[in-house]
């Protein structure tokens, strides 16, 4: 005889933003952000405002970048709309030329999470860059 409880299995979730063969000028950045609260939170509890982002269910962020020139990778979060995103790293991660640089399993401590690659090489760079949000 079945009781009042049922076994529930969580379905893993993932979302991504990718840039393939993206040309990034010297000093320019490419970035992607996710709103990890919009689909799972009472909208009345969220601050008004707009952040250009995609909905996702987190809380983990992975990022990976490959560039033919040197640059920097930064992970950024925003507590809520209308609040600037800020780095959660002590310093941006250096990206050597022609080297894959991954970041994995960073927990997003805010409503918005994302990553930014900045070309610091002095010349134009060709970049492959991905930002991923996953539930586990």
Protein backbone atom coordinates (compact mmCIF):
# COMPACT_ATOMS: atom_id res chain seq x y z
CA UNK A 1 0.00 0.00 0.00
CA UNK A 2 1.44 3.34 -1.05
CA UNK A 3 1.81 6.07 1.53
CA UNK A 4 1.28 9.80 1.08
CA UNK A 5 4.87 10.28 -0.10
CA UNK A 6 6.17 9.80 -3.60
CA UNK A 7 9.73 9.57 -4.78
CA UNK A 8 10.56 12.62 -6.88
CA UNK A 9 13.51 12.72 -9.20
CA UNK A 10 14.92 16.13 -10.08
CA UNK A 11 15.51 16.72 -13.76
CA UNK A 12 18.94 18.19 -14.48
CA UNK A 13 18.84 21.56 -16.20
CA UNK A 14 21.34 23.30 -18.44
CA UNK A 15 21.48 26.45 -20.56
CA UNK A 16 24.26 27.98 -22.59
CA UNK A 17 25.38 31.04 -24.49
CA UNK A 18 28.16 30.48 -27.00
CA UNK A 19 30.26 32.63 -29.29
CA UNK A 20 32.03 30.78 -32.12
CA UNK A 21 34.82 32.41 -34.14
CA UNK A 22 33.82 35.77 -32.64
CA UNK A 23 36.11 38.61 -33.72
CA UNK A 24 36.90 40.80 -30.69
CA UNK A 25 38.74 44.11 -31.13
CA UNK A 26 41.58 45.09 -28.81
CA UNK A 27 40.13 46.32 -25.51
CA UNK A 28 36.64 45.05 -26.38
CA UNK A 29 34.65 42.42 -24.48
CA UNK A 30 32.06 39.75 -25.18
CA UNK A 31 29.79 38.57 -22.40
CA UNK A 32 26.71 36.55 -21.61
CA UNK A 33 24.38 36.69 -18.61
CA UNK A 34 21.63 34.47 -17.25
CA UNK A 35 18.69 35.34 -15.01
CA UNK A 36 18.53 32.35 -12.68
CA UNK A 37 15.54 33.57 -10.66
CA UNK A 38 12.96 34.76 -13.17
CA UNK A 39 11.37 31.34 -13.79
CA UNK A 40 11.43 30.08 -10.20
CA UNK A 41 10.73 33.15 -8.05
CA UNK A 42 7.61 35.15 -7.34
CA UNK A 43 7.99 38.15 -9.68
CA UNK A 44 6.70 40.44 -6.91
CA UNK A 45 9.81 39.60 -4.89
CA UNK A 46 12.17 40.77 -7.64
CA UNK A 47 13.41 44.33 -8.04
CA UNK A 48 12.13 46.19 -11.10
CA UNK A 49 14.54 46.84 -13.93
CA UNK A 50 16.00 45.16 -16.94
CA UNK A 51 19.22 43.23 -17.37
CA UNK A 52 19.92 41.78 -20.81
CA UNK A 53 19.99 38.10 -20.00
CA UNK A 54 18.49 34.70 -20.72
CA UNK A 55 16.39 32.76 -18.24
CA UNK A 56 18.06 29.72 -16.67
CA UNK A 57 17.82 27.54 -13.57
CA UNK A 58 21.17 27.36 -11.73
CA UNK A 59 22.95 27.61 -9.47
CA UNK A 60 26.23 26.50 -11.10
CA UNK A 61 28.18 28.41 -13.73
CA UNK A 62 30.82 27.01 -16.05
CA UNK A 63 32.73 29.01 -18.65
CA UNK A 64 35.33 28.13 -21.24
CA UNK A 65 37.32 30.35 -23.60
CA UNK A 66 39.83 29.82 -26.38
CA UNK A 67 41.44 32.82 -28.06
CA UNK A 68 44.21 33.18 -30.60
CA UNK A 69 45.39 36.22 -28.61
CA UNK A 70 45.83 36.94 -24.88
CA UNK A 71 42.93 38.22 -22.82
CA UNK A 72 41.11 38.01 -19.49
CA UNK A 73 38.16 35.96 -18.28
CA UNK A 74 35.94 37.38 -15.55
CA UNK A 75 32.89 35.89 -13.79
CA UNK A 76 30.27 38.44 -12.80
CA UNK A 77 27.06 38.38 -10.74
CA UNK A 78 24.24 40.78 -10.05
CA UNK A 79 22.14 40.63 -6.92
CA UNK A 80 19.01 41.89 -8.70
CA UNK A 81 17.87 44.07 -11.59
CA UNK A 82 18.97 47.69 -11.40
CA UNK A 83 22.16 46.70 -9.56
CA UNK A 84 25.46 46.60 -11.44
CA UNK A 85 27.09 43.26 -12.05
CA UNK A 86 30.33 42.78 -10.17
CA UNK A 87 33.21 40.34 -10.39
CA UNK A 88 33.21 37.45 -7.92
CA UNK A 89 36.88 36.75 -8.61
CA UNK A 90 39.77 38.42 -6.80
CA UNK A 91 41.18 39.27 -10.24
CA UNK A 92 40.28 38.31 -13.82
CA UNK A 93 41.80 35.02 -14.99
CA UNK A 94 44.57 35.47 -17.59
CA UNK A 95 43.85 33.74 -20.90
CA UNK A 96 47.08 32.85 -22.75
CA UNK A 97 47.00 32.81 -26.55
CA UNK A 98 45.96 29.49 -28.12
CA UNK A 99 45.16 27.88 -24.76
CA UNK A 100 41.77 26.60 -23.57
CA UNK A 101 40.83 28.15 -20.20
CA UNK A 102 37.92 26.52 -18.33
CA UNK A 103 36.11 27.52 -15.13
CA UNK A 104 33.72 25.01 -13.59
CA UNK A 105 31.16 24.65 -10.78
CA UNK A 106 31.10 28.26 -9.56
CA UNK A 107 27.98 28.84 -7.48
CA UNK A 108 26.13 32.01 -8.45
CA UNK A 109 25.42 34.08 -5.30
CA UNK A 110 22.84 36.36 -6.92
CA UNK A 111 19.97 36.59 -9.35
CA UNK A 112 22.15 37.15 -12.41
CA UNK A 113 25.29 35.28 -13.36
CA UNK A 114 27.56 35.37 -16.34
CA UNK A 115 31.04 35.74 -17.70
CA UNK A 116 33.02 38.22 -19.77
CA UNK A 117 36.07 37.80 -21.99
CA UNK A 118 38.15 40.94 -22.65
CA UNK A 119 40.78 41.09 -25.37
CA UNK A 120 43.93 42.65 -23.90
CA UNK A 121 46.34 41.67 -26.68
CA UNK A 122 46.73 44.94 -28.56
CA UNK A 123 45.36 43.34 -31.75
CA UNK A 124 42.10 41.81 -32.95
CA UNK A 125 41.39 38.32 -31.56
CA UNK A 126 39.31 35.38 -32.78
CA UNK A 127 37.54 33.81 -29.83
CA UNK A 128 35.45 30.74 -28.98
CA UNK A 129 33.64 31.41 -25.70
CA UNK A 130 30.89 29.57 -23.83
CA UNK A 131 28.97 30.29 -20.65
CA UNK A 132 26.90 27.48 -19.16
CA UNK A 133 24.41 27.33 -16.29
CA UNK A 134 23.46 23.98 -14.81
CA UNK A 135 21.50 22.64 -11.90
CA UNK A 136 23.96 19.95 -10.83
